[in-house]
Amino acid sequence: MKKIVPYIVLILCALLLWDLLFSFGDATFHIDGDTVDGPVGAALALLFGAGGAILGVVVAVVVGVVLAVVFAGVGVVLLAALGVAGVAVAAAIVPFMLPLLALVLIWYLVQRSRKNRVVHAQAV
């Protein structure tokens, strides 16, 4: 199936070109009151139609990128809020464990920093 798809696309393009060149009067439209028809009208109609489709694709891509950035930002804020809420709940349930939690957090940050220094020292 994968080997036949390029041939099908080529045949469809050839049929489109044949119809564009040898079928007269199929497409007519008006520009400022003037009727445009025949092969030139068909070519211009195809050009304007493709331009609209390309513009639609560009708009869809831009909207997708903007939504991805917005949703990624919302996700980061949501994760941060969940983390703060978790610490607040842990502090409210067991207040005497909060200093231990702070020590564990400091130890984790120091270990991560030390591991990064070791990796960078080996890379140099």
PDB file of N, CA and C in Angstrom:
ATOM      1  N   MET A   1       0.816  -1.182   0.000  1.00  0.00           N
ATOM      2  CA  MET A   1       0.000   0.000   0.000  1.00  0.00           C
ATOM      3  C   MET A   1       0.868   1.258   0.000  1.00  0.00           C
ATOM      4  N   LYS A   2       1.979   1.238   0.747  1.00  0.00           N
ATOM      5  CA  LYS A   2       2.835   2.417   0.813  1.00  0.00           C
ATOM      6  C   LYS A   2       3.508   2.711  -0.524  1.00  0.00           C
ATOM      7  N   LYS A   3       3.737   1.693  -1.330  1.00  0.00           N
ATOM      8  CA  LYS A   3       4.412   1.898  -2.619  1.00  0.00           C
ATOM      9  C   LYS A   3       3.463   2.454  -3.675  1.00  0.00           C
ATOM     10  N   ILE A   4       2.167   2.238  -3.499  1.00  0.00           N
ATOM     11  CA  ILE A   4       1.216   2.664  -4.520  1.00  0.00           C
ATOM     12  C   ILE A   4       0.702   4.082  -4.272  1.00  0.00           C
ATOM     13  N   VAL A   5       0.823   4.587  -3.054  1.00  0.00           N
ATOM     14  CA  VAL A   5       0.296   5.918  -2.725  1.00  0.00           C
ATOM     15  C   VAL A   5       0.927   7.019  -3.571  1.00  0.00           C
ATOM     16  N   PRO A   6       2.254   7.052  -3.782  1.00  0.00           N
ATOM     17  CA  PRO A   6       2.794   8.122  -4.636  1.00  0.00           C
ATOM     18  C   PRO A   6       2.253   8.094  -6.063  1.00  0.00           C
ATOM     19  N   TYR A   7       2.014   6.902  -6.588  1.00  0.00           N
ATOM     20  CA  TYR A   7       1.460   6.809  -7.940  1.00  0.00           C
ATOM     21  C   TYR A   7       0.028   7.330  -7.983  1.00  0.00           C
ATOM     22  N   ILE A   8      -0.756   7.029  -6.964  1.00  0.00           N
ATOM     23  CA  ILE A   8      -2.132   7.526  -6.909  1.00  0.00           C
ATOM     24  C   ILE A   8      -2.139   9.047  -6.825  1.00  0.00           C
ATOM     25  N   VAL A   9      -1.268   9.618  -6.000  1.00  0.00           N
ATOM     26  CA  VAL A   9      -1.185  11.078  -5.887  1.00  0.00           C
ATOM     27  C   VAL A   9      -0.751  11.688  -7.211  1.00  0.00           C
ATOM     28  N   LEU A  10       0.194  11.075  -7.893  1.00  0.00           N
ATOM     29  CA  LEU A  10       0.643  11.576  -9.187  1.00  0.00           C
ATOM     30  C   LEU A  10      -0.484  11.523 -10.227  1.00  0.00           C
ATOM     31  N   ILE A  11      -1.243  10.446 -10.234  1.00  0.00           N
ATOM     32  CA  ILE A  11      -2.367  10.324 -11.172  1.00  0.00           C
ATOM     33  C   ILE A  11      -3.427  11.376 -10.863  1.00  0.00           C
ATOM     34  N   LEU A  12      -3.719  11.599  -9.585  1.00  0.00           N
ATOM     35  CA  LEU A  12      -4.704  12.620  -9.225  1.00  0.00           C
ATOM     36  C   LEU A  12      -4.242  14.013  -9.625  1.00  0.00           C
ATOM     37  N   CYS A  13      -2.952  14.313  -9.455  1.00  0.00           N
ATOM     38  CA  CYS A  13      -2.420  15.610  -9.883  1.00  0.00           C
ATOM     39  C   CYS A  13      -2.496  15.746 -11.404  1.00  0.00           C
ATOM     40  N   ALA A  14      -2.211  14.671 -12.129  1.00  0.00           N
ATOM     41  CA  ALA A  14      -2.310  14.709 -13.590  1.00  0.00           C
ATOM     42  C   ALA A  14      -3.752  14.940 -14.026  1.00  0.00           C
ATOM     43  N   LEU A  15      -4.703  14.296 -13.357  1.00  0.00           N
ATOM     44  CA  LEU A  15      -6.115  14.506 -13.682  1.00  0.00           C
ATOM     45  C   LEU A  15      -6.546  15.935 -13.375  1.00  0.00           C
ATOM     46  N   LEU A  16      -6.071  16.492 -12.288  1.00  0.00           N
ATOM     47  CA  LEU A  16      -6.381  17.879 -11.952  1.00  0.00           C
ATOM     48  C   LEU A  16      -5.814  18.834 -12.990  1.00  0.00           C
ATOM     49  N   LEU A  17      -4.587  18.603 -13.419  1.00  0.00           N
ATOM     50  CA  LEU A  17      -3.973  19.437 -14.451  1.00  0.00           C
ATOM     51  C   LEU A  17      -4.721  19.296 -15.772  1.00  0.00           C
ATOM     52  N   TRP A  18      -5.105  18.078 -16.129  1.00  0.00           N
ATOM     53  CA  TRP A  18      -5.878  17.844 -17.360  1.00  0.00           C
ATOM     54  C   TRP A  18      -7.196  18.620 -17.306  1.00  0.00           C
ATOM     55  N   ASP A  19      -7.889  18.537 -16.173  1.00  0.00           N
ATOM     56  CA  ASP A  19      -9.157  19.239 -16.033  1.00  0.00           C
ATOM     57  C   ASP A  19      -8.955  20.748 -16.066  1.00  0.00           C
ATOM     58  N   LEU A  20      -7.861  21.223 -15.492  1.00  0.00           N
ATOM     59  CA  LEU A  20      -7.581  22.654 -15.471  1.00  0.00           C
ATOM     60  C   LEU A  20      -7.289  23.178 -16.869  1.00  0.00           C
ATOM     61  N   LEU A  21      -6.569  22.420 -17.655  1.00  0.00           N
ATOM     62  CA  LEU A  21      -6.148  22.903 -18.967  1.00  0.00           C
ATOM     63  C   LEU A  21      -7.180  22.661 -20.065  1.00  0.00           C
ATOM     64  N   PHE A  22      -7.932  21.586 -19.995  1.00  0.00           N
ATOM     65  CA  PHE A  22      -8.762  21.195 -21.133  1.00  0.00           C
ATOM     66  C   PHE A  22     -10.264  21.218 -20.867  1.00  0.00           C
ATOM     67  N   SER A  23     -10.694  21.729 -19.748  1.00  0.00           N
ATOM     68  CA  SER A  23     -12.140  21.873 -19.528  1.00  0.00           C
ATOM     69  C   SER A  23     -12.426  23.357 -19.346  1.00  0.00           C
ATOM     70  N   PHE A  24     -13.072  23.937 -20.309  1.00  0.00           N
ATOM     71  CA  PHE A  24     -13.289  25.382 -20.331  1.00  0.00           C
ATOM     72  C   PHE A  24     -14.650  25.719 -19.742  1.00  0.00           C
ATOM     73  N   GLY A  25     -14.690  26.809 -18.989  1.00  0.00           N
ATOM     74  CA  GLY A  25     -15.953  27.310 -18.478  1.00  0.00           C
ATOM     75  C   GLY A  25     -16.447  26.611 -17.229  1.00  0.00           C
ATOM     76  N   ASP A  26     -15.627  25.785 -16.598  1.00  0.00           N
ATOM     77  CA  ASP A  26     -16.085  25.115 -15.384  1.00  0.00           C
ATOM     78  C   ASP A  26     -16.135  26.060 -14.196  1.00  0.00           C
ATOM     79  N   ALA A  27     -15.183  26.948 -14.102  1.00  0.00           N
ATOM     80  CA  ALA A  27     -15.115  27.842 -12.952  1.00  0.00           C
ATOM     81  C   ALA A  27     -15.251  29.280 -13.425  1.00  0.00           C
ATOM     82  N   THR A  28     -16.204  29.969 -12.867  1.00  0.00           N
ATOM     83  CA  THR A  28     -16.350  31.396 -13.137  1.00  0.00           C
ATOM     84  C   THR A  28     -16.549  32.102 -11.808  1.00  0.00           C
ATOM     85  N   PHE A  29     -15.966  33.266 -11.687  1.00  0.00           N
ATOM     86  CA  PHE A  29     -16.196  34.089 -10.510  1.00  0.00           C
ATOM     87  C   PHE A  29     -16.024  35.543 -10.897  1.00  0.00           C
ATOM     88  N   HIS A  30     -16.424  36.412 -10.014  1.00  0.00           N
ATOM     89  CA  HIS A  30     -16.451  37.840 -10.308  1.00  0.00           C
ATOM     90  C   HIS A  30     -15.439  38.577  -9.434  1.00  0.00           C
ATOM     91  N   ILE A  31     -14.645  39.433 -10.082  1.00  0.00           N
ATOM     92  CA  ILE A  31     -13.727  40.322  -9.377  1.00  0.00           C
ATOM     93  C   ILE A  31     -14.092  41.738  -9.785  1.00  0.00           C
ATOM     94  N   ASP A  32     -14.589  42.537  -8.847  1.00  0.00           N
ATOM     95  CA  ASP A  32     -14.999  43.925  -9.093  1.00  0.00           C
ATOM     96  C   ASP A  32     -15.992  44.030 -10.236  1.00  0.00           C
ATOM     97  N   GLY A  33     -16.910  43.098 -10.312  1.00  0.00           N
ATOM     98  CA  GLY A  33     -17.940  43.146 -11.336  1.00  0.00           C
ATOM     99  C   GLY A  33     -17.557  42.504 -12.655  1.00  0.00           C
ATOM    100  N   ASP A  34     -16.298  42.139 -12.841  1.00  0.00           N
ATOM    101  CA  ASP A  34     -15.862  41.481 -14.070  1.00  0.00           C
ATOM    102  C   ASP A  34     -15.918  39.969 -13.893  1.00  0.00           C
ATOM    103  N   THR A  35     -16.451  39.286 -14.888  1.00  0.00           N
ATOM    104  CA  THR A  35     -16.526  37.827 -14.838  1.00  0.00           C
ATOM    105  C   THR A  35     -15.226  37.239 -15.356  1.00  0.00           C
ATOM    106  N   VAL A  36     -14.640  36.360 -14.578  1.00  0.00           N
ATOM    107  CA  VAL A  36     -13.416  35.664 -14.979  1.00  0.00           C
ATOM    108  C   VAL A  36     -13.777  34.205 -15.150  1.00  0.00           C
ATOM    109  N   ASP A  37     -13.547  33.665 -16.349  1.00  0.00           N
ATOM    110  CA  ASP A  37     -13.889  32.264 -16.592  1.00  0.00           C
ATOM    111  C   ASP A  37     -12.856  31.632 -17.507  1.00  0.00           C
ATOM    112  N   GLY A  38     -13.075  30.395 -17.860  1.00  0.00           N
ATOM    113  CA  GLY A  38     -12.143  29.677 -18.714  1.00  0.00           C
ATOM    114  C   GLY A  38     -10.970  29.129 -17.924  1.00  0.00           C
ATOM    115  N   PRO A  39      -9.878  28.804 -18.602  1.00  0.00           N
ATOM    116  CA  PRO A  39      -8.719  28.238 -17.918  1.00  0.00           C
ATOM    117  C   PRO A  39      -8.094  29.208 -16.914  1.00  0.00           C
ATOM    118  N   VAL A  40      -8.087  30.501 -17.261  1.00  0.00           N
ATOM    119  CA  VAL A  40      -7.525  31.487 -16.328  1.00  0.00           C
ATOM    120  C   VAL A  40      -8.390  31.572 -15.074  1.00  0.00           C
ATOM    121  N   GLY A  41      -9.705  31.530 -15.272  1.00  0.00           N
ATOM    122  CA  GLY A  41     -10.604  31.552 -14.118  1.00  0.00           C
ATOM    123  C   GLY A  41     -10.424  30.334 -13.237  1.00  0.00           C
ATOM    124  N   ALA A  42     -10.253  29.180 -13.863  1.00  0.00           N
ATOM    125  CA  ALA A  42     -10.031  27.957 -13.088  1.00  0.00           C
ATOM    126  C   ALA A  42      -8.710  28.030 -12.331  1.00  0.00           C
ATOM    127  N   ALA A  43      -7.677  28.550 -13.003  1.00  0.00           N
ATOM    128  CA  ALA A  43      -6.370  28.664 -12.341  1.00  0.00           C
ATOM    129  C   ALA A  43      -6.438  29.644 -11.175  1.00  0.00           C
ATOM    130  N   LEU A  44      -7.108  30.782 -11.374  1.00  0.00           N
ATOM    131  CA  LEU A  44      -7.222  31.757 -10.291  1.00  0.00           C
ATOM    132  C   LEU A  44      -8.080  31.209  -9.142  1.00  0.00           C
ATOM    133  N   ALA A  45      -9.141  30.491  -9.473  1.00  0.00           N
ATOM    134  CA  ALA A  45      -9.973  29.894  -8.426  1.00  0.00           C
ATOM    135  C   ALA A  45      -9.172  28.882  -7.616  1.00  0.00           C
ATOM    136  N   LEU A  46      -8.366  28.090  -8.295  1.00  0.00           N
ATOM    137  CA  LEU A  46      -7.513  27.127  -7.601  1.00  0.00           C
ATOM    138  C   LEU A  46      -6.484  27.840  -6.730  1.00  0.00           C
ATOM    139  N   LEU A  47      -5.915  28.924  -7.249  1.00  0.00           N
ATOM    140  CA  LEU A  47      -4.923  29.692  -6.489  1.00  0.00           C
ATOM    141  C   LEU A  47      -5.552  30.307  -5.245  1.00  0.00           C
ATOM    142  N   PHE A  48      -6.726  30.925  -5.398  1.00  0.00           N
ATOM    143  CA  PHE A  48      -7.372  31.556  -4.250  1.00  0.00           C
ATOM    144  C   PHE A  48      -7.842  30.513  -3.238  1.00  0.00           C
ATOM    145  N   GLY A  49      -8.320  29.382  -3.725  1.00  0.00           N
ATOM    146  CA  GLY A  49      -8.738  28.320  -2.815  1.00  0.00           C
ATOM    147  C   GLY A  49      -7.570  27.748  -2.031  1.00  0.00           C
ATOM    148  N   ALA A  50      -6.450  27.526  -2.711  1.00  0.00           N
ATOM    149  CA  ALA A  50      -5.258  27.007  -2.031  1.00  0.00           C
ATOM    150  C   ALA A  50      -4.715  28.031  -1.045  1.00  0.00           C
ATOM    151  N   GLY A  51      -4.797  29.315  -1.411  1.00  0.00           N
ATOM    152  CA  GLY A  51      -4.329  30.361  -0.484  1.00  0.00           C
ATOM    153  C   GLY A  51      -5.146  30.364   0.790  1.00  0.00           C
ATOM    154  N   GLY A  52      -6.463  30.181   0.664  1.00  0.00           N
ATOM    155  CA  GLY A  52      -7.307  30.105   1.861  1.00  0.00           C
ATOM    156  C   GLY A  52      -6.991  28.884   2.700  1.00  0.00           C
ATOM    157  N   ALA A  53      -6.723  27.769   2.052  1.00  0.00           N
ATOM    158  CA  ALA A  53      -6.384  26.548   2.792  1.00  0.00           C
ATOM    159  C   ALA A  53      -5.049  26.701   3.510  1.00  0.00           C
ATOM    160  N   ILE A  54      -4.074  27.307   2.848  1.00  0.00           N
ATOM    161  CA  ILE A  54      -2.767  27.517   3.480  1.00  0.00           C
ATOM    162  C   ILE A  54      -2.905  28.475   4.661  1.00  0.00           C
ATOM    163  N   LEU A  55      -3.689  29.525   4.498  1.00  0.00           N
ATOM    164  CA  LEU A  55      -3.919  30.458   5.597  1.00  0.00           C
ATOM    165  C   LEU A  55      -4.591  29.749   6.768  1.00  0.00           C
ATOM    166  N   GLY A  56      -5.538  28.866   6.490  1.00  0.00           N
ATOM    167  CA  GLY A  56      -6.190  28.106   7.552  1.00  0.00           C
ATOM    168  C   GLY A  56      -5.217  27.207   8.300  1.00  0.00           C
ATOM    169  N   VAL A  57      -4.300  26.571   7.575  1.00  0.00           N
ATOM    170  CA  VAL A  57      -3.301  25.711   8.220  1.00  0.00           C
ATOM    171  C   VAL A  57      -2.368  26.534   9.101  1.00  0.00           C
ATOM    172  N   VAL A  58      -1.944  27.687   8.615  1.00  0.00           N
ATOM    173  CA  VAL A  58      -1.051  28.550   9.404  1.00  0.00           C
ATOM    174  C   VAL A  58      -1.749  29.001  10.682  1.00  0.00           C
ATOM    175  N   VAL A  59      -3.008  29.406  10.578  1.00  0.00           N
ATOM    176  CA  VAL A  59      -3.753  29.836  11.765  1.00  0.00           C
ATOM    177  C   VAL A  59      -3.902  28.675  12.746  1.00  0.00           C
ATOM    178  N   ALA A  60      -4.189  27.474  12.261  1.00  0.00           N
ATOM    179  CA  ALA A  60      -4.342  26.318  13.143  1.00  0.00           C
ATOM    180  C   ALA A  60      -3.033  25.988  13.861  1.00  0.00           C
ATOM    181  N   VAL A  61      -1.913  26.098  13.173  1.00  0.00           N
ATOM    182  CA  VAL A  61      -0.615  25.826  13.807  1.00  0.00           C
ATOM    183  C   VAL A  61      -0.307  26.861  14.886  1.00  0.00           C
ATOM    184  N   VAL A  62      -0.562  28.125  14.590  1.00  0.00           N
ATOM    185  CA  VAL A  62      -0.297  29.178  15.578  1.00  0.00           C
ATOM    186  C   VAL A  62      -1.184  28.993  16.807  1.00  0.00           C
ATOM    187  N   VAL A  63      -2.449  28.683  16.599  1.00  0.00           N
ATOM    188  CA  VAL A  63      -3.353  28.451  17.728  1.00  0.00           C
ATOM    189  C   VAL A  63      -2.890  27.243  18.539  1.00  0.00           C
ATOM    190  N   GLY A  64      -2.441  26.195  17.872  1.00  0.00           N
ATOM    191  CA  GLY A  64      -1.936  25.021  18.586  1.00  0.00           C
ATOM    192  C   GLY A  64      -0.722  25.329  19.437  1.00  0.00           C
ATOM    193  N   VAL A  65       0.203  26.129  18.904  1.00  0.00           N
ATOM    194  CA  VAL A  65       1.401  26.497  19.669  1.00  0.00           C
ATOM    195  C   VAL A  65       1.025  27.342  20.876  1.00  0.00           C
ATOM    196  N   VAL A  66       0.129  28.316  20.676  1.00  0.00           N
ATOM    197  CA  VAL A  66      -0.293  29.167  21.793  1.00  0.00           C
ATOM    198  C   VAL A  66      -0.987  28.341  22.869  1.00  0.00           C
ATOM    199  N   LEU A  67      -1.861  27.423  22.465  1.00  0.00           N
ATOM    200  CA  LEU A  67      -2.541  26.584  23.452  1.00  0.00           C
ATOM    201  C   LEU A  67      -1.567  25.669  24.183  1.00  0.00           C
ATOM    202  N   ALA A  68      -0.572  25.148  23.480  1.00  0.00           N
ATOM    203  CA  ALA A  68       0.422  24.295  24.143  1.00  0.00           C
ATOM    204  C   ALA A  68       1.187  25.079  25.200  1.00  0.00           C
ATOM    205  N   VAL A  69       1.570  26.314  24.869  1.00  0.00           N
ATOM    206  CA  VAL A  69       2.302  27.145  25.842  1.00  0.00           C
ATOM    207  C   VAL A  69       1.415  27.488  27.026  1.00  0.00           C
ATOM    208  N   VAL A  70       0.169  27.844  26.756  1.00  0.00           N
ATOM    209  CA  VAL A  70      -0.743  28.205  27.849  1.00  0.00           C
ATOM    210  C   VAL A  70      -1.010  27.013  28.747  1.00  0.00           C
ATOM    211  N   PHE A  71      -1.299  25.845  28.148  1.00  0.00           N
ATOM    212  CA  PHE A  71      -1.590  24.681  28.968  1.00  0.00           C
ATOM    213  C   PHE A  71      -0.357  24.195  29.722  1.00  0.00           C
ATOM    214  N   ALA A  72       0.828  24.334  29.140  1.00  0.00           N
ATOM    215  CA  ALA A  72       2.045  23.951  29.861  1.00  0.00           C
ATOM    216  C   ALA A  72       2.245  24.861  31.062  1.00  0.00           C
ATOM    217  N   GLY A  73       2.010  26.163  30.871  1.00  0.00           N
ATOM    218  CA  GLY A  73       2.128  27.103  31.988  1.00  0.00           C
ATOM    219  C   GLY A  73       1.118  26.815  33.074  1.00  0.00           C
ATOM    220  N   VAL A  74      -0.108  26.494  32.688  1.00  0.00           N
ATOM    221  CA  VAL A  74      -1.139  26.159  33.672  1.00  0.00           C
ATOM    222  C   VAL A  74      -0.755  24.887  34.415  1.00  0.00           C
ATOM    223  N   GLY A  75      -0.167  23.922  33.712  1.00  0.00           N
ATOM    224  CA  GLY A  75       0.255  22.687  34.364  1.00  0.00           C
ATOM    225  C   GLY A  75       1.343  22.912  35.402  1.00  0.00           C
ATOM    226  N   VAL A  76       2.296  23.774  35.076  1.00  0.00           N
ATOM    227  CA  VAL A  76       3.368  24.074  36.037  1.00  0.00           C
ATOM    228  C   VAL A  76       2.805  24.763  37.268  1.00  0.00           C
ATOM    229  N   VAL A  77       1.917  25.730  37.051  1.00  0.00           N
ATOM    230  CA  VAL A  77       1.297  26.427  38.187  1.00  0.00           C
ATOM    231  C   VAL A  77       0.470  25.449  39.017  1.00  0.00           C
ATOM    232  N   LEU A  78      -0.245  24.553  38.354  1.00  0.00           N
ATOM    233  CA  LEU A  78      -1.057  23.568  39.068  1.00  0.00           C
ATOM    234  C   LEU A  78      -0.183  22.625  39.898  1.00  0.00           C
ATOM    235  N   LEU A  79       0.933  22.158  39.338  1.00  0.00           N
ATOM    236  CA  LEU A  79       1.841  21.293  40.103  1.00  0.00           C
ATOM    237  C   LEU A  79       2.441  22.032  41.298  1.00  0.00           C
ATOM    238  N   ALA A  80       2.812  23.282  41.113  1.00  0.00           N
ATOM    239  CA  ALA A  80       3.354  24.067  42.232  1.00  0.00           C
ATOM    240  C   ALA A  80       2.299  24.244  43.317  1.00  0.00           C
ATOM    241  N   ALA A  81       1.071  24.538  42.917  1.00  0.00           N
ATOM    242  CA  ALA A  81      -0.004  24.707  43.899  1.00  0.00           C
ATOM    243  C   ALA A  81      -0.275  23.405  44.640  1.00  0.00           C
ATOM    244  N   LEU A  82      -0.246  22.279  43.922  1.00  0.00           N
ATOM    245  CA  LEU A  82      -0.439  20.988  44.592  1.00  0.00           C
ATOM    246  C   LEU A  82       0.687  20.692  45.569  1.00  0.00           C
ATOM    247  N   GLY A  83       1.911  21.047  45.208  1.00  0.00           N
ATOM    248  CA  GLY A  83       3.038  20.849  46.118  1.00  0.00           C
ATOM    249  C   GLY A  83       2.910  21.691  47.383  1.00  0.00           C
ATOM    250  N   VAL A  84       2.545  22.956  47.228  1.00  0.00           N
ATOM    251  CA  VAL A  84       2.359  23.835  48.391  1.00  0.00           C
ATOM    252  C   VAL A  84       1.206  23.331  49.249  1.00  0.00           C
ATOM    253  N   ALA A  85       0.118  22.893  48.606  1.00  0.00           N
ATOM    254  CA  ALA A  85      -1.024  22.364  49.355  1.00  0.00           C
ATOM    255  C   ALA A  85      -0.640  21.102  50.114  1.00  0.00           C
ATOM    256  N   GLY A  86       0.177  20.241  49.503  1.00  0.00           N
ATOM    257  CA  GLY A  86       0.615  19.028  50.184  1.00  0.00           C
ATOM    258  C   GLY A  86       1.457  19.332  51.417  1.00  0.00           C
ATOM    259  N   VAL A  87       2.356  20.301  51.287  1.00  0.00           N
ATOM    260  CA  VAL A  87       3.169  20.695  52.443  1.00  0.00           C
ATOM    261  C   VAL A  87       2.292  21.309  53.525  1.00  0.00           C
ATOM    262  N   ALA A  88       1.310  22.119  53.120  1.00  0.00           N
ATOM    263  CA  ALA A  88       0.413  22.731  54.103  1.00  0.00           C
ATOM    264  C   ALA A  88      -0.408  21.669  54.831  1.00  0.00           C
ATOM    265  N   VAL A  89      -0.898  20.670  54.116  1.00  0.00           N
ATOM    266  CA  VAL A  89      -1.663  19.595  54.749  1.00  0.00           C
ATOM    267  C   VAL A  89      -0.768  18.785  55.679  1.00  0.00           C
ATOM    268  N   ALA A  90       0.455  18.499  55.230  1.00  0.00           N
ATOM    269  CA  ALA A  90       1.390  17.757  56.099  1.00  0.00           C
ATOM    270  C   ALA A  90       1.714  18.561  57.347  1.00  0.00           C
ATOM    271  N   ALA A  91       1.880  19.879  57.221  1.00  0.00           N
ATOM    272  CA  ALA A  91       2.175  20.712  58.388  1.00  0.00           C
ATOM    273  C   ALA A  91       0.974  20.784  59.324  1.00  0.00           C
ATOM    274  N   ALA A  92      -0.229  20.790  58.757  1.00  0.00           N
ATOM    275  CA  ALA A  92      -1.419  20.869  59.605  1.00  0.00           C
ATOM    276  C   ALA A  92      -1.685  19.557  60.327  1.00  0.00           C
ATOM    277  N   ILE A  93      -1.398  18.436  59.663  1.00  0.00           N
ATOM    278  CA  ILE A  93      -1.669  17.137  60.283  1.00  0.00           C
ATOM    279  C   ILE A  93      -0.619  16.810  61.327  1.00  0.00           C
ATOM    280  N   VAL A  94       0.636  16.962  60.984  1.00  0.00           N
ATOM    281  CA  VAL A  94       1.724  16.595  61.894  1.00  0.00           C
ATOM    282  C   VAL A  94       2.692  17.780  61.985  1.00  0.00           C
ATOM    283  N   PRO A  95       2.415  18.756  62.837  1.00  0.00           N
ATOM    284  CA  PRO A  95       3.264  19.953  62.875  1.00  0.00           C
ATOM    285  C   PRO A  95       4.693  19.682  63.361  1.00  0.00           C
ATOM    286  N   PHE A  96       4.890  18.685  64.192  1.00  0.00           N
ATOM    287  CA  PHE A  96       6.240  18.426  64.678  1.00  0.00           C
ATOM    288  C   PHE A  96       7.128  17.768  63.610  1.00  0.00           C
ATOM    289  N   MET A  97       6.560  17.314  62.487  1.00  0.00           N
ATOM    290  CA  MET A  97       7.356  16.718  61.413  1.00  0.00           C
ATOM    291  C   MET A  97       7.842  17.766  60.404  1.00  0.00           C
ATOM    292  N   LEU A  98       7.347  19.004  60.500  1.00  0.00           N
ATOM    293  CA  LEU A  98       7.727  20.033  59.537  1.00  0.00           C
ATOM    294  C   LEU A  98       9.231  20.344  59.569  1.00  0.00           C
ATOM    295  N   PRO A  99       9.878  20.452  60.733  1.00  0.00           N
ATOM    296  CA  PRO A  99      11.338  20.655  60.704  1.00  0.00           C
ATOM    297  C   PRO A  99      12.088  19.496  60.043  1.00  0.00           C
ATOM    298  N   LEU A 100      11.602  18.281  60.264  1.00  0.00           N
ATOM    299  CA  LEU A 100      12.217  17.135  59.609  1.00  0.00           C
ATOM    300  C   LEU A 100      12.029  17.215  58.095  1.00  0.00           C
ATOM    301  N   LEU A 101      10.860  17.645  57.651  1.00  0.00           N
ATOM    302  CA  LEU A 101      10.600  17.819  56.221  1.00  0.00           C
ATOM    303  C   LEU A 101      11.534  18.878  55.631  1.00  0.00           C
ATOM    304  N   ALA A 102      11.755  19.954  56.373  1.00  0.00           N
ATOM    305  CA  ALA A 102      12.673  20.999  55.900  1.00  0.00           C
ATOM    306  C   ALA A 102      14.088  20.448  55.785  1.00  0.00           C
ATOM    307  N   LEU A 103      14.526  19.649  56.751  1.00  0.00           N
ATOM    308  CA  LEU A 103      15.864  19.051  56.690  1.00  0.00           C
ATOM    309  C   LEU A 103      15.989  18.094  55.503  1.00  0.00           C
ATOM    310  N   VAL A 104      14.971  17.302  55.242  1.00  0.00           N
ATOM    311  CA  VAL A 104      14.990  16.381  54.109  1.00  0.00           C
ATOM    312  C   VAL A 104      15.053  17.162  52.799  1.00  0.00           C
ATOM    313  N   LEU A 105      14.318  18.258  52.718  1.00  0.00           N
ATOM    314  CA  LEU A 105      14.336  19.089  51.519  1.00  0.00           C
ATOM    315  C   LEU A 105      15.720  19.700  51.303  1.00  0.00           C
ATOM    316  N   ILE A 106      16.332  20.206  52.348  1.00  0.00           N
ATOM    317  CA  ILE A 106      17.681  20.776  52.235  1.00  0.00           C
ATOM    318  C   ILE A 106      18.683  19.694  51.836  1.00  0.00           C
ATOM    319  N   TRP A 107      18.600  18.522  52.454  1.00  0.00           N
ATOM    320  CA  TRP A 107      19.502  17.425  52.101  1.00  0.00           C
ATOM    321  C   TRP A 107      19.356  17.043  50.632  1.00  0.00           C
ATOM    322  N   TYR A 108      18.103  16.977  50.129  1.00  0.00           N
ATOM    323  CA  TYR A 108      17.870  16.626  48.730  1.00  0.00           C
ATOM    324  C   TYR A 108      18.489  17.661  47.797  1.00  0.00           C
ATOM    325  N   LEU A 109      18.308  18.936  48.091  1.00  0.00           N
ATOM    326  CA  LEU A 109      18.869  19.986  47.239  1.00  0.00           C
ATOM    327  C   LEU A 109      20.398  19.956  47.233  1.00  0.00           C
ATOM    328  N   VAL A 110      21.007  19.688  48.389  1.00  0.00           N
ATOM    329  CA  VAL A 110      22.476  19.609  48.461  1.00  0.00           C
ATOM    330  C   VAL A 110      22.978  18.400  47.681  1.00  0.00           C
ATOM    331  N   GLN A 111      22.315  17.261  47.815  1.00  0.00           N
ATOM    332  CA  GLN A 111      22.725  16.063  47.085  1.00  0.00           C
ATOM    333  C   GLN A 111      22.614  16.266  45.578  1.00  0.00           C
ATOM    334  N   ARG A 112      21.531  16.914  45.148  1.00  0.00           N
ATOM    335  CA  ARG A 112      21.348  17.166  43.724  1.00  0.00           C
ATOM    336  C   ARG A 112      22.436  18.102  43.205  1.00  0.00           C
ATOM    337  N   SER A 113      22.769  19.107  43.988  1.00  0.00           N
ATOM    338  CA  SER A 113      23.822  20.038  43.588  1.00  0.00           C
ATOM    339  C   SER A 113      25.174  19.328  43.543  1.00  0.00           C
ATOM    340  N   ARG A 114      25.438  18.477  44.518  1.00  0.00           N
ATOM    341  CA  ARG A 114      26.715  17.755  44.568  1.00  0.00           C
ATOM    342  C   ARG A 114      26.819  16.794  43.391  1.00  0.00           C
ATOM    343  N   LYS A 115      25.722  16.127  43.042  1.00  0.00           N
ATOM    344  CA  LYS A 115      25.721  15.196  41.917  1.00  0.00           C
ATOM    345  C   LYS A 115      25.992  15.942  40.606  1.00  0.00           C
ATOM    346  N   ASN A 116      25.412  17.120  40.457  1.00  0.00           N
ATOM    347  CA  ASN A 116      25.649  17.914  39.252  1.00  0.00           C
ATOM    348  C   ASN A 116      27.104  18.370  39.169  1.00  0.00           C
ATOM    349  N   ARG A 117      27.699  18.720  40.312  1.00  0.00           N
ATOM    350  CA  ARG A 117      29.113  19.123  40.304  1.00  0.00           C
ATOM    351  C   ARG A 117      30.014  17.959  39.912  1.00  0.00           C
ATOM    352  N   VAL A 118      29.701  16.752  40.356  1.00  0.00           N
ATOM    353  CA  VAL A 118      30.496  15.587  40.037  1.00  0.00           C
ATOM    354  C   VAL A 118      30.377  15.276  38.530  1.00  0.00           C
ATOM    355  N   VAL A 119      29.188  15.378  37.981  1.00  0.00           N
ATOM    356  CA  VAL A 119      28.993  15.107  36.562  1.00  0.00           C
ATOM    357  C   VAL A 119      29.717  16.147  35.726  1.00  0.00           C
ATOM    358  N   HIS A 120      29.652  17.420  36.123  1.00  0.00           N
ATOM    359  CA  HIS A 120      30.342  18.464  35.366  1.00  0.00           C
ATOM    360  C   HIS A 120      31.864  18.330  35.486  1.00  0.00           C
ATOM    361  N   ALA A 121      32.341  17.869  36.640  1.00  0.00           N
ATOM    362  CA  ALA A 121      33.789  17.707  36.794  1.00  0.00           C
ATOM    363  C   ALA A 121      34.308  16.581  35.904  1.00  0.00           C
ATOM    364  N   GLN A 122      33.540  15.509  35.718  1.00  0.00           N
ATOM    365  CA  GLN A 122      33.961  14.428  34.860  1.00  0.00           C
ATOM    366  C   GLN A 122      33.898  14.827  33.394  1.00  0.00           C
ATOM    367  N   ALA A 123      32.938  15.677  33.043  1.00  0.00           N
ATOM    368  CA  ALA A 123      32.769  16.082  31.651  1.00  0.00           C
ATOM    369  C   ALA A 123      33.914  16.991  31.198  1.00  0.00           C
ATOM    370  N   VAL A 124      34.504  17.729  32.111  1.00  0.00           N
ATOM    371  CA  VAL A 124      35.582  18.654  31.740  1.00  0.00           C
ATOM    372  C   VAL A 124      36.838  17.886  31.653  1.00  0.00           C
TER     373      VAL A 124
END
